[in-house]
């Protein structure tokens, strides 16, 4: 696939960590892409490697990295070849920004939030403080935060307002994409809906692309154009949102969807038995095989990623030579 056709193209991205138990294969050869003015949602259980994938893309790496490799193309440019300082100044926050899980933990309690929102523009764009504060005011208007909140501290704001401030901080440098890591996990349902309405409006007005990392299928459908399903450090399904939510292809994806209640029509809820495999010693073959009701002998071998009607799935059930 031509990398210029996508805003972001990730190829064979790998991030392994050293621990006392062994090497954790948190991100293991991940491939996916993000189109311009699109939102891709990455779904999966806790511990499957979603947040580690975000850290790998943003190069926010801890000291215990064992393996970090692959290619990340942004606007056709391989940013993995940049040194750390070039990446910090020209890519992280300037071109790709982050909205972290807990906004209260991400905001400095002793600095006014207006200054915190303005700071990335001052550092990465080199603008003066007055100009940066004016950009912060515009971002507050975009996300629905009253202008007088510029002079408040994080502890003076509600959870929903803190999350809007975090989104404003991510937007202030006008990045081409924003990575959202569980942005509404600590918020009530009504506030979640309001935050997603803000994100949809920004996507429409500013043309911003999103990667949304979550395990919340219900809320993710509000924003998704495309869906990637992650399991045990790997992407096992890539699909357009309409096709995925109507009929997921991978057995794991089907189980995820069957665990979500629907407002209309009767539906028998299901669950996934067993536990995810250890990322220190993941099984050979299909990593979902031990929990899959469709298991057969071929699953002892690792399945390839196959394409079906423009969608991709890593499962022998969809391989034309599965009986070979």
C-alpha atoms as a PDB file:
ATOM      1  CA  UNK A   1       0.000   0.000   0.000  1.00  0.00           C
ATOM      2  CA  UNK A   2       1.288   3.446  -0.881  1.00  0.00           C
ATOM      3  CA  UNK A   3       2.127   5.223   2.365  1.00  0.00           C
ATOM      4  CA  UNK A   4       1.222   8.602   0.842  1.00  0.00           C
ATOM      5  CA  UNK A   5      -2.421   7.437   0.580  1.00  0.00           C
ATOM      6  CA  UNK A   6      -2.601   7.397   4.381  1.00  0.00           C
ATOM      7  CA  UNK A   7      -1.817   9.937   7.030  1.00  0.00           C
ATOM      8  CA  UNK A   8      -0.240   7.209   9.173  1.00  0.00           C
ATOM      9  CA  UNK A   9       1.118   3.817   8.118  1.00  0.00           C
ATOM     10  CA  UNK A  10       2.492   1.400  10.727  1.00  0.00           C
ATOM     11  CA  UNK A  11       4.499  -1.621   9.547  1.00  0.00           C
ATOM     12  CA  UNK A  12       5.790  -4.483  11.714  1.00  0.00           C
ATOM     13  CA  UNK A  13       5.911  -2.271  14.791  1.00  0.00           C
ATOM     14  CA  UNK A  14       7.412  -4.183  17.715  1.00  0.00           C
ATOM     15  CA  UNK A  15       7.893  -3.172  21.339  1.00  0.00           C
ATOM     16  CA  UNK A  16       9.114  -5.690  23.913  1.00  0.00           C
ATOM     17  CA  UNK A  17       9.975  -4.967  27.559  1.00  0.00           C
ATOM     18  CA  UNK A  18      12.433  -6.647  29.927  1.00  0.00           C
ATOM     19  CA  UNK A  19      10.912  -7.678  33.270  1.00  0.00           C
ATOM     20  CA  UNK A  20      11.853 -10.021  36.106  1.00  0.00           C
ATOM     21  CA  UNK A  21       9.475 -12.607  34.671  1.00  0.00           C
ATOM     22  CA  UNK A  22      11.011 -12.361  31.197  1.00  0.00           C
ATOM     23  CA  UNK A  23      10.552 -10.355  28.007  1.00  0.00           C
ATOM     24  CA  UNK A  24       6.999  -9.036  27.588  1.00  0.00           C
ATOM     25  CA  UNK A  25       5.964  -9.015  23.913  1.00  0.00           C
ATOM     26  CA  UNK A  26       3.562  -6.087  24.355  1.00  0.00           C
ATOM     27  CA  UNK A  27       3.450  -5.061  20.681  1.00  0.00           C
ATOM     28  CA  UNK A  28       4.425  -7.848  18.316  1.00  0.00           C
ATOM     29  CA  UNK A  29       4.667  -6.977  14.630  1.00  0.00           C
ATOM     30  CA  UNK A  30       1.641  -4.679  14.351  1.00  0.00           C
ATOM     31  CA  UNK A  31       0.469  -3.354  10.959  1.00  0.00           C
ATOM     32  CA  UNK A  32      -2.323  -0.831  10.459  1.00  0.00           C
ATOM     33  CA  UNK A  33      -3.031   2.490   8.776  1.00  0.00           C
ATOM     34  CA  UNK A  34      -4.969   5.673   9.426  1.00  0.00           C
ATOM     35  CA  UNK A  35      -6.543   7.678   6.614  1.00  0.00           C
ATOM     36  CA  UNK A  36      -6.782  11.449   6.482  1.00  0.00           C
ATOM     37  CA  UNK A  37      -9.672  12.921   8.468  1.00  0.00           C
ATOM     38  CA  UNK A  38     -10.491   9.425   9.717  1.00  0.00           C
ATOM     39  CA  UNK A  39     -10.843   7.845  13.144  1.00  0.00           C
ATOM     40  CA  UNK A  40      -9.570   4.327  13.776  1.00  0.00           C
ATOM     41  CA  UNK A  41     -10.643   2.653  17.017  1.00  0.00           C
ATOM     42  CA  UNK A  42      -8.338   0.030  18.531  1.00  0.00           C
ATOM     43  CA  UNK A  43     -10.360  -2.425  20.619  1.00  0.00           C
ATOM     44  CA  UNK A  44      -9.225  -5.147  22.970  1.00  0.00           C
ATOM     45  CA  UNK A  45      -9.175  -6.431  26.527  1.00  0.00           C
ATOM     46  CA  UNK A  46      -7.026  -4.836  29.209  1.00  0.00           C
ATOM     47  CA  UNK A  47      -3.438  -6.028  28.900  1.00  0.00           C
ATOM     48  CA  UNK A  48      -3.560  -6.772  25.161  1.00  0.00           C
ATOM     49  CA  UNK A  49      -0.975  -4.079  24.318  1.00  0.00           C
ATOM     50  CA  UNK A  50      -3.150  -1.109  23.289  1.00  0.00           C
ATOM     51  CA  UNK A  51      -1.418   1.481  25.482  1.00  0.00           C
ATOM     52  CA  UNK A  52       1.996   0.035  24.622  1.00  0.00           C
ATOM     53  CA  UNK A  53       1.098   0.531  20.953  1.00  0.00           C
ATOM     54  CA  UNK A  54       0.399   4.212  21.685  1.00  0.00           C
ATOM     55  CA  UNK A  55       3.755   4.524  23.438  1.00  0.00           C
ATOM     56  CA  UNK A  56       5.489   2.855  20.495  1.00  0.00           C
ATOM     57  CA  UNK A  57       3.941   5.278  17.991  1.00  0.00           C
ATOM     58  CA  UNK A  58       4.807   8.321  20.141  1.00  0.00           C
ATOM     59  CA  UNK A  59       8.182   6.895  21.174  1.00  0.00           C
ATOM     60  CA  UNK A  60       7.351   7.301  24.856  1.00  0.00           C
ATOM     61  CA  UNK A  61       9.568   4.412  25.888  1.00  0.00           C
ATOM     62  CA  UNK A  62      10.478   3.247  29.396  1.00  0.00           C
ATOM     63  CA  UNK A  63      14.026   2.298  30.328  1.00  0.00           C
ATOM     64  CA  UNK A  64      13.424  -1.442  30.209  1.00  0.00           C
ATOM     65  CA  UNK A  65      12.915  -1.680  26.434  1.00  0.00           C
ATOM     66  CA  UNK A  66      14.245  -4.945  24.984  1.00  0.00           C
ATOM     67  CA  UNK A  67      13.163  -4.556  21.328  1.00  0.00           C
ATOM     68  CA  UNK A  68      11.809  -1.521  19.502  1.00  0.00           C
ATOM     69  CA  UNK A  69      11.602  -1.807  15.729  1.00  0.00           C
ATOM     70  CA  UNK A  70       9.417  -1.405  12.667  1.00  0.00           C
ATOM     71  CA  UNK A  71       8.381   1.508  10.487  1.00  0.00           C
ATOM     72  CA  UNK A  72       6.027   4.402  11.173  1.00  0.00           C
ATOM     73  CA  UNK A  73       5.240   6.607   8.180  1.00  0.00           C
ATOM     74  CA  UNK A  74       3.609   9.983   8.783  1.00  0.00           C
ATOM     75  CA  UNK A  75       2.560  11.743   5.573  1.00  0.00           C
ATOM     76  CA  UNK A  76       4.812   9.313   3.706  1.00  0.00           C
ATOM     77  CA  UNK A  77       7.850  10.081   5.887  1.00  0.00           C
ATOM     78  CA  UNK A  78       9.476   7.333   7.947  1.00  0.00           C
ATOM     79  CA  UNK A  79       9.708   8.985  11.372  1.00  0.00           C
ATOM     80  CA  UNK A  80      11.462   5.974  12.929  1.00  0.00           C
ATOM     81  CA  UNK A  81      14.752   7.088  11.353  1.00  0.00           C
ATOM     82  CA  UNK A  82      14.674  10.414  13.249  1.00  0.00           C
ATOM     83  CA  UNK A  83      16.828  10.748  16.335  1.00  0.00           C
ATOM     84  CA  UNK A  84      15.137  11.317  19.694  1.00  0.00           C
ATOM     85  CA  UNK A  85      15.527  15.108  19.686  1.00  0.00           C
ATOM     86  CA  UNK A  86      14.205  15.473  16.118  1.00  0.00           C
ATOM     87  CA  UNK A  87      11.245  13.278  16.990  1.00  0.00           C
ATOM     88  CA  UNK A  88      10.527  15.200  20.209  1.00  0.00           C
ATOM     89  CA  UNK A  89      10.577  18.617  18.537  1.00  0.00           C
ATOM     90  CA  UNK A  90       9.041  17.864  15.133  1.00  0.00           C
ATOM     91  CA  UNK A  91       6.706  14.871  15.598  1.00  0.00           C
ATOM     92  CA  UNK A  92       5.567  14.342  19.178  1.00  0.00           C
ATOM     93  CA  UNK A  93       2.940  16.977  20.000  1.00  0.00           C
ATOM     94  CA  UNK A  94       3.768  18.999  16.864  1.00  0.00           C
ATOM     95  CA  UNK A  95       2.317  16.416  14.437  1.00  0.00           C
ATOM     96  CA  UNK A  96       0.963  13.684  16.742  1.00  0.00           C
ATOM     97  CA  UNK A  97      -0.451  14.646  20.122  1.00  0.00           C
ATOM     98  CA  UNK A  98      -1.832  12.596  22.995  1.00  0.00           C
ATOM     99  CA  UNK A  99      -4.903  12.709  25.214  1.00  0.00           C
ATOM    100  CA  UNK A 100      -4.003  10.397  28.136  1.00  0.00           C
ATOM    101  CA  UNK A 101      -6.304   8.225  30.227  1.00  0.00           C
ATOM    102  CA  UNK A 102      -6.515  10.312  33.393  1.00  0.00           C
ATOM    103  CA  UNK A 103      -6.666  14.051  32.659  1.00  0.00           C
ATOM    104  CA  UNK A 104      -6.227  14.981  36.344  1.00  0.00           C
ATOM    105  CA  UNK A 105      -2.922  13.096  36.451  1.00  0.00           C
ATOM    106  CA  UNK A 106      -1.800  14.667  33.161  1.00  0.00           C
ATOM    107  CA  UNK A 107      -2.401  18.257  34.314  1.00  0.00           C
ATOM    108  CA  UNK A 108       0.020  20.073  36.616  1.00  0.00           C
ATOM    109  CA  UNK A 109      -1.868  20.944  39.843  1.00  0.00           C
ATOM    110  CA  UNK A 110       0.189  24.109  40.509  1.00  0.00           C
ATOM    111  CA  UNK A 111      -0.100  25.698  37.045  1.00  0.00           C
ATOM    112  CA  UNK A 112      -3.212  27.336  35.662  1.00  0.00           C
ATOM    113  CA  UNK A 113      -4.745  25.270  32.890  1.00  0.00           C
ATOM    114  CA  UNK A 114      -4.546  28.105  30.352  1.00  0.00           C
ATOM    115  CA  UNK A 115      -0.765  28.188  30.691  1.00  0.00           C
ATOM    116  CA  UNK A 116      -0.584  24.409  30.365  1.00  0.00           C
ATOM    117  CA  UNK A 117      -2.612  24.435  27.157  1.00  0.00           C
ATOM    118  CA  UNK A 118      -0.465  27.236  25.713  1.00  0.00           C
ATOM    119  CA  UNK A 119       2.846  25.606  26.618  1.00  0.00           C
ATOM    120  CA  UNK A 120       3.061  23.045  23.745  1.00  0.00           C
ATOM    121  CA  UNK A 121       2.631  25.858  21.206  1.00  0.00           C
ATOM    122  CA  UNK A 122       5.438  27.823  22.870  1.00  0.00           C
ATOM    123  CA  UNK A 123       7.792  24.838  22.950  1.00  0.00           C
ATOM    124  CA  UNK A 124       7.061  23.094  19.645  1.00  0.00           C
ATOM    125  CA  UNK A 125       5.951  26.005  17.456  1.00  0.00           C
ATOM    126  CA  UNK A 126       8.204  28.660  18.989  1.00  0.00           C
ATOM    127  CA  UNK A 127       5.409  31.226  19.389  1.00  0.00           C
ATOM    128  CA  UNK A 128       5.423  33.990  21.995  1.00  0.00           C
ATOM    129  CA  UNK A 129       3.433  33.558  25.208  1.00  0.00           C
ATOM    130  CA  UNK A 130       0.735  36.089  24.248  1.00  0.00           C
ATOM    131  CA  UNK A 131       0.155  34.372  20.899  1.00  0.00           C
ATOM    132  CA  UNK A 132       0.152  30.942  22.545  1.00  0.00           C
ATOM    133  CA  UNK A 133      -2.442  32.107  25.075  1.00  0.00           C
ATOM    134  CA  UNK A 134      -4.612  33.367  22.218  1.00  0.00           C
ATOM    135  CA  UNK A 135      -4.363  29.934  20.579  1.00  0.00           C
ATOM    136  CA  UNK A 136      -5.329  28.389  23.917  1.00  0.00           C
ATOM    137  CA  UNK A 137      -8.420  30.626  24.022  1.00  0.00           C
ATOM    138  CA  UNK A 138      -9.447  29.432  20.550  1.00  0.00           C
ATOM    139  CA  UNK A 139      -8.960  25.816  21.567  1.00  0.00           C
ATOM    140  CA  UNK A 140     -11.101  26.347  24.677  1.00  0.00           C
ATOM    141  CA  UNK A 141     -13.864  27.631  22.405  1.00  0.00           C
ATOM    142  CA  UNK A 142     -13.519  24.565  20.153  1.00  0.00           C
ATOM    143  CA  UNK A 143     -13.862  22.118  23.040  1.00  0.00           C
ATOM    144  CA  UNK A 144     -16.573  24.034  24.904  1.00  0.00           C
ATOM    145  CA  UNK A 145     -14.628  25.293  27.922  1.00  0.00           C
ATOM    146  CA  UNK A 146     -15.545  28.796  29.196  1.00  0.00           C
ATOM    147  CA  UNK A 147     -12.762  31.318  28.516  1.00  0.00           C
ATOM    148  CA  UNK A 148     -12.558  32.363  32.175  1.00  0.00           C
ATOM    149  CA  UNK A 149     -11.390  28.817  32.973  1.00  0.00           C
ATOM    150  CA  UNK A 150      -7.988  29.796  31.512  1.00  0.00           C
ATOM    151  CA  UNK A 151      -7.144  31.211  34.919  1.00  0.00           C
ATOM    152  CA  UNK A 152      -8.236  28.189  36.938  1.00  0.00           C
ATOM    153  CA  UNK A 153      -6.315  25.216  38.305  1.00  0.00           C
ATOM    154  CA  UNK A 154      -7.067  21.603  37.384  1.00  0.00           C
ATOM    155  CA  UNK A 155      -8.519  20.768  40.809  1.00  0.00           C
ATOM    156  CA  UNK A 156     -11.134  23.493  40.320  1.00  0.00           C
ATOM    157  CA  UNK A 157     -12.591  21.740  37.262  1.00  0.00           C
ATOM    158  CA  UNK A 158     -14.951  18.783  36.938  1.00  0.00           C
ATOM    159  CA  UNK A 159     -13.751  15.540  35.364  1.00  0.00           C
ATOM    160  CA  UNK A 160     -15.453  16.360  32.068  1.00  0.00           C
ATOM    161  CA  UNK A 161     -13.932  19.867  31.958  1.00  0.00           C
ATOM    162  CA  UNK A 162     -10.468  18.498  32.748  1.00  0.00           C
ATOM    163  CA  UNK A 163     -10.852  16.069  29.867  1.00  0.00           C
ATOM    164  CA  UNK A 164     -11.841  18.939  27.543  1.00  0.00           C
ATOM    165  CA  UNK A 165      -8.773  20.858  28.695  1.00  0.00           C
ATOM    166  CA  UNK A 166      -6.602  17.826  27.856  1.00  0.00           C
ATOM    167  CA  UNK A 167      -8.163  17.751  24.369  1.00  0.00           C
ATOM    168  CA  UNK A 168      -7.524  21.498  23.971  1.00  0.00           C
ATOM    169  CA  UNK A 169      -3.882  20.919  24.931  1.00  0.00           C
ATOM    170  CA  UNK A 170      -3.619  18.211  22.278  1.00  0.00           C
ATOM    171  CA  UNK A 171      -5.115  20.543  19.655  1.00  0.00           C
ATOM    172  CA  UNK A 172      -3.149  23.724  20.344  1.00  0.00           C
ATOM    173  CA  UNK A 173      -0.286  22.867  17.952  1.00  0.00           C
ATOM    174  CA  UNK A 174      -2.762  21.950  15.160  1.00  0.00           C
ATOM    175  CA  UNK A 175      -1.464  18.362  14.852  1.00  0.00           C
ATOM    176  CA  UNK A 176      -2.572  16.211  11.936  1.00  0.00           C
ATOM    177  CA  UNK A 177      -3.615  13.432  14.321  1.00  0.00           C
ATOM    178  CA  UNK A 178      -4.472  12.875  17.973  1.00  0.00           C
ATOM    179  CA  UNK A 179      -3.987   9.646  19.881  1.00  0.00           C
ATOM    180  CA  UNK A 180      -6.681   9.188  22.538  1.00  0.00           C
ATOM    181  CA  UNK A 181      -5.949   6.570  25.208  1.00  0.00           C
ATOM    182  CA  UNK A 182      -9.199   5.689  27.019  1.00  0.00           C
ATOM    183  CA  UNK A 183     -10.210   9.382  27.094  1.00  0.00           C
ATOM    184  CA  UNK A 184     -13.566   8.816  28.821  1.00  0.00           C
ATOM    185  CA  UNK A 185     -12.881   5.804  31.054  1.00  0.00           C
ATOM    186  CA  UNK A 186     -13.315   7.727  34.347  1.00  0.00           C
ATOM    187  CA  UNK A 187     -16.368   9.752  33.284  1.00  0.00           C
ATOM    188  CA  UNK A 188     -20.087   9.191  33.663  1.00  0.00           C
ATOM    189  CA  UNK A 189     -22.159   8.188  30.634  1.00  0.00           C
ATOM    190  CA  UNK A 190     -23.578  11.663  29.939  1.00  0.00           C
ATOM    191  CA  UNK A 191     -20.141  13.283  30.124  1.00  0.00           C
ATOM    192  CA  UNK A 192     -18.746  10.571  27.842  1.00  0.00           C
ATOM    193  CA  UNK A 193     -21.402  11.402  25.264  1.00  0.00           C
ATOM    194  CA  UNK A 194     -20.557  15.100  25.485  1.00  0.00           C
ATOM    195  CA  UNK A 195     -16.832  14.438  25.026  1.00  0.00           C
ATOM    196  CA  UNK A 196     -17.457  12.296  21.954  1.00  0.00           C
ATOM    197  CA  UNK A 197     -19.690  14.999  20.511  1.00  0.00           C
ATOM    198  CA  UNK A 198     -16.775  17.432  20.966  1.00  0.00           C
ATOM    199  CA  UNK A 199     -14.389  15.022  19.212  1.00  0.00           C
ATOM    200  CA  UNK A 200     -16.780  14.535  16.289  1.00  0.00           C
ATOM    201  CA  UNK A 201     -17.219  18.285  15.886  1.00  0.00           C
ATOM    202  CA  UNK A 202     -13.445  18.850  15.929  1.00  0.00           C
ATOM    203  CA  UNK A 203     -12.959  16.105  13.356  1.00  0.00           C
ATOM    204  CA  UNK A 204     -15.506  17.798  11.084  1.00  0.00           C
ATOM    205  CA  UNK A 205     -14.349  21.385  11.646  1.00  0.00           C
ATOM    206  CA  UNK A 206     -10.562  20.934  11.777  1.00  0.00           C
ATOM    207  CA  UNK A 207     -10.076  17.756   9.722  1.00  0.00           C
ATOM    208  CA  UNK A 208      -8.217  16.063  12.580  1.00  0.00           C
ATOM    209  CA  UNK A 209      -7.572  12.307  12.445  1.00  0.00           C
ATOM    210  CA  UNK A 210      -7.860  10.133  15.542  1.00  0.00           C
ATOM    211  CA  UNK A 211      -6.558   6.884  16.955  1.00  0.00           C
ATOM    212  CA  UNK A 212      -8.904   5.959  19.801  1.00  0.00           C
ATOM    213  CA  UNK A 213      -7.655   3.247  22.134  1.00  0.00           C
ATOM    214  CA  UNK A 214     -10.406   1.700  24.238  1.00  0.00           C
ATOM    215  CA  UNK A 215     -12.102  -1.458  25.460  1.00  0.00           C
ATOM    216  CA  UNK A 216     -15.511   0.250  25.437  1.00  0.00           C
ATOM    217  CA  UNK A 217     -17.240  -0.992  22.293  1.00  0.00           C
ATOM    218  CA  UNK A 218     -20.456   0.955  22.844  1.00  0.00           C
ATOM    219  CA  UNK A 219     -18.907   4.431  23.030  1.00  0.00           C
ATOM    220  CA  UNK A 220     -16.236   3.742  20.400  1.00  0.00           C
ATOM    221  CA  UNK A 221     -18.899   3.237  17.737  1.00  0.00           C
ATOM    222  CA  UNK A 222     -19.778   6.939  18.066  1.00  0.00           C
ATOM    223  CA  UNK A 223     -16.460   8.045  16.575  1.00  0.00           C
ATOM    224  CA  UNK A 224     -15.139   5.105  14.555  1.00  0.00           C
ATOM    225  CA  UNK A 225     -14.605   5.154  10.799  1.00  0.00           C
ATOM    226  CA  UNK A 226     -12.421   2.035  11.003  1.00  0.00           C
ATOM    227  CA  UNK A 227     -11.831  -0.594  13.671  1.00  0.00           C
ATOM    228  CA  UNK A 228      -8.705  -2.548  14.585  1.00  0.00           C
ATOM    229  CA  UNK A 229      -9.013  -5.395  17.088  1.00  0.00           C
ATOM    230  CA  UNK A 230      -5.942  -6.198  19.191  1.00  0.00           C
ATOM    231  CA  UNK A 231      -5.313  -9.437  21.026  1.00  0.00           C
ATOM    232  CA  UNK A 232      -2.155 -10.585  22.837  1.00  0.00           C
ATOM    233  CA  UNK A 233       0.058  -7.960  21.237  1.00  0.00           C
ATOM    234  CA  UNK A 234      -1.207  -8.422  17.671  1.00  0.00           C
ATOM    235  CA  UNK A 235      -3.797  -6.819  15.400  1.00  0.00           C
ATOM    236  CA  UNK A 236      -6.142  -9.667  14.459  1.00  0.00           C
ATOM    237  CA  UNK A 237      -8.819  -7.773  12.511  1.00  0.00           C
ATOM    238  CA  UNK A 238      -9.001  -4.526  10.517  1.00  0.00           C
ATOM    239  CA  UNK A 239     -12.321  -3.387   9.100  1.00  0.00           C
ATOM    240  CA  UNK A 240     -14.448  -0.399   8.254  1.00  0.00           C
ATOM    241  CA  UNK A 241     -16.707   0.438  11.194  1.00  0.00           C
ATOM    242  CA  UNK A 242     -19.964  -0.281   9.372  1.00  0.00           C
ATOM    243  CA  UNK A 243     -18.871  -3.792   8.410  1.00  0.00           C
ATOM    244  CA  UNK A 244     -17.326  -4.558  11.780  1.00  0.00           C
ATOM    245  CA  UNK A 245     -20.265  -3.554  13.953  1.00  0.00           C
ATOM    246  CA  UNK A 246     -22.687  -5.347  11.619  1.00  0.00           C
ATOM    247  CA  UNK A 247     -20.674  -8.581  11.280  1.00  0.00           C
ATOM    248  CA  UNK A 248     -17.216  -8.977  12.846  1.00  0.00           C
ATOM    249  CA  UNK A 249     -15.065 -11.631  11.184  1.00  0.00           C
ATOM    250  CA  UNK A 250     -12.690 -12.946  13.856  1.00  0.00           C
ATOM    251  CA  UNK A 251     -14.135 -15.284  16.540  1.00  0.00           C
ATOM    252  CA  UNK A 252     -12.655 -13.034  19.230  1.00  0.00           C
ATOM    253  CA  UNK A 253     -14.301  -9.974  17.680  1.00  0.00           C
ATOM    254  CA  UNK A 254     -17.643 -11.806  17.574  1.00  0.00           C
ATOM    255  CA  UNK A 255     -17.330 -12.623  21.269  1.00  0.00           C
ATOM    256  CA  UNK A 256     -16.556  -9.001  22.072  1.00  0.00           C
ATOM    257  CA  UNK A 257     -19.618  -7.817  20.182  1.00  0.00           C
ATOM    258  CA  UNK A 258     -21.861 -10.466  21.734  1.00  0.00           C
ATOM    259  CA  UNK A 259     -20.912  -9.250  25.224  1.00  0.00           C
ATOM    260  CA  UNK A 260     -22.448  -5.797  24.582  1.00  0.00           C
ATOM    261  CA  UNK A 261     -26.190  -5.325  25.247  1.00  0.00           C
ATOM    262  CA  UNK A 262     -28.313  -3.551  22.637  1.00  0.00           C
ATOM    263  CA  UNK A 263     -31.119  -1.070  23.139  1.00  0.00           C
ATOM    264  CA  UNK A 264     -33.314  -2.548  20.403  1.00  0.00           C
ATOM    265  CA  UNK A 265     -34.280  -6.168  19.983  1.00  0.00           C
ATOM    266  CA  UNK A 266     -33.649  -9.178  22.151  1.00  0.00           C
ATOM    267  CA  UNK A 267     -30.118 -10.469  22.384  1.00  0.00           C
ATOM    268  CA  UNK A 268     -28.538 -13.229  24.418  1.00  0.00           C
ATOM    269  CA  UNK A 269     -25.323 -11.937  25.961  1.00  0.00           C
ATOM    270  CA  UNK A 270     -22.204 -14.074  25.744  1.00  0.00           C
ATOM    271  CA  UNK A 271     -18.771 -14.051  27.371  1.00  0.00           C
ATOM    272  CA  UNK A 272     -15.235 -15.160  26.567  1.00  0.00           C
ATOM    273  CA  UNK A 273     -14.132 -18.084  28.706  1.00  0.00           C
ATOM    274  CA  UNK A 274     -10.595 -18.402  30.011  1.00  0.00           C
ATOM    275  CA  UNK A 275      -7.908 -15.743  30.243  1.00  0.00           C
ATOM    276  CA  UNK A 276      -5.685 -13.966  27.705  1.00  0.00           C
ATOM    277  CA  UNK A 277      -2.297 -15.641  27.224  1.00  0.00           C
ATOM    278  CA  UNK A 278       0.816 -14.362  28.948  1.00  0.00           C
ATOM    279  CA  UNK A 279       2.758 -11.889  26.816  1.00  0.00           C
ATOM    280  CA  UNK A 280       5.943 -13.197  28.403  1.00  0.00           C
ATOM    281  CA  UNK A 281       5.454 -16.584  26.719  1.00  0.00           C
ATOM    282  CA  UNK A 282       2.632 -16.269  24.154  1.00  0.00           C
ATOM    283  CA  UNK A 283       1.500 -19.557  22.581  1.00  0.00           C
ATOM    284  CA  UNK A 284       2.629 -20.648  19.147  1.00  0.00           C
ATOM    285  CA  UNK A 285       0.020 -20.676  16.415  1.00  0.00           C
ATOM    286  CA  UNK A 286      -3.176 -18.653  16.860  1.00  0.00           C
ATOM    287  CA  UNK A 287      -2.998 -16.781  20.160  1.00  0.00           C
ATOM    288  CA  UNK A 288      -6.751 -17.000  20.652  1.00  0.00           C
ATOM    289  CA  UNK A 289      -6.932 -20.753  20.007  1.00  0.00           C
ATOM    290  CA  UNK A 290      -7.209 -21.840  23.662  1.00  0.00           C
ATOM    291  CA  UNK A 291     -10.367 -19.713  24.126  1.00  0.00           C
ATOM    292  CA  UNK A 292     -11.903 -20.239  20.682  1.00  0.00           C
ATOM    293  CA  UNK A 293     -14.934 -22.465  20.105  1.00  0.00           C
ATOM    294  CA  UNK A 294     -13.908 -22.941  16.446  1.00  0.00           C
ATOM    295  CA  UNK A 295     -10.506 -24.454  17.283  1.00  0.00           C
ATOM    296  CA  UNK A 296      -9.186 -27.121  14.896  1.00  0.00           C
ATOM    297  CA  UNK A 297      -5.794 -28.631  14.075  1.00  0.00           C
ATOM    298  CA  UNK A 298      -4.672 -25.843  11.729  1.00  0.00           C
ATOM    299  CA  UNK A 299      -4.824 -23.378  14.610  1.00  0.00           C
ATOM    300  CA  UNK A 300      -1.552 -24.849  15.916  1.00  0.00           C
ATOM    301  CA  UNK A 301       0.090 -22.777  13.172  1.00  0.00           C
ATOM    302  CA  UNK A 302       0.086 -18.981  13.200  1.00  0.00           C
ATOM    303  CA  UNK A 303      -2.593 -17.776  10.770  1.00  0.00           C
ATOM    304  CA  UNK A 304      -1.753 -15.185   8.111  1.00  0.00           C
ATOM    305  CA  UNK A 305      -3.582 -11.894   7.801  1.00  0.00           C
ATOM    306  CA  UNK A 306      -5.977 -12.426   4.890  1.00  0.00           C
ATOM    307  CA  UNK A 307      -8.150  -9.917   3.055  1.00  0.00           C
ATOM    308  CA  UNK A 308     -11.869 -10.420   2.581  1.00  0.00           C
ATOM    309  CA  UNK A 309     -14.024  -7.826   0.823  1.00  0.00           C
ATOM    310  CA  UNK A 310     -11.590  -5.060   1.711  1.00  0.00           C
ATOM    311  CA  UNK A 311     -11.394  -6.163   5.352  1.00  0.00           C
ATOM    312  CA  UNK A 312      -8.482  -8.008   6.992  1.00  0.00           C
ATOM    313  CA  UNK A 313      -8.593 -10.842   9.511  1.00  0.00           C
ATOM    314  CA  UNK A 314      -5.931 -13.066  11.092  1.00  0.00           C
ATOM    315  CA  UNK A 315      -7.802 -16.366  11.276  1.00  0.00           C
ATOM    316  CA  UNK A 316      -7.634 -19.751   9.519  1.00  0.00           C
ATOM    317  CA  UNK A 317     -11.426 -19.827   9.176  1.00  0.00           C
ATOM    318  CA  UNK A 318     -11.162 -17.185   6.465  1.00  0.00           C
ATOM    319  CA  UNK A 319      -8.148 -18.650   4.657  1.00  0.00           C
ATOM    320  CA  UNK A 320      -8.893 -20.304   1.340  1.00  0.00           C
ATOM    321  CA  UNK A 321      -6.335 -23.054   1.972  1.00  0.00           C
ATOM    322  CA  UNK A 322      -7.288 -23.720   5.591  1.00  0.00           C
ATOM    323  CA  UNK A 323      -7.705 -27.401   4.976  1.00  0.00           C
ATOM    324  CA  UNK A 324      -4.236 -27.757   3.436  1.00  0.00           C
END
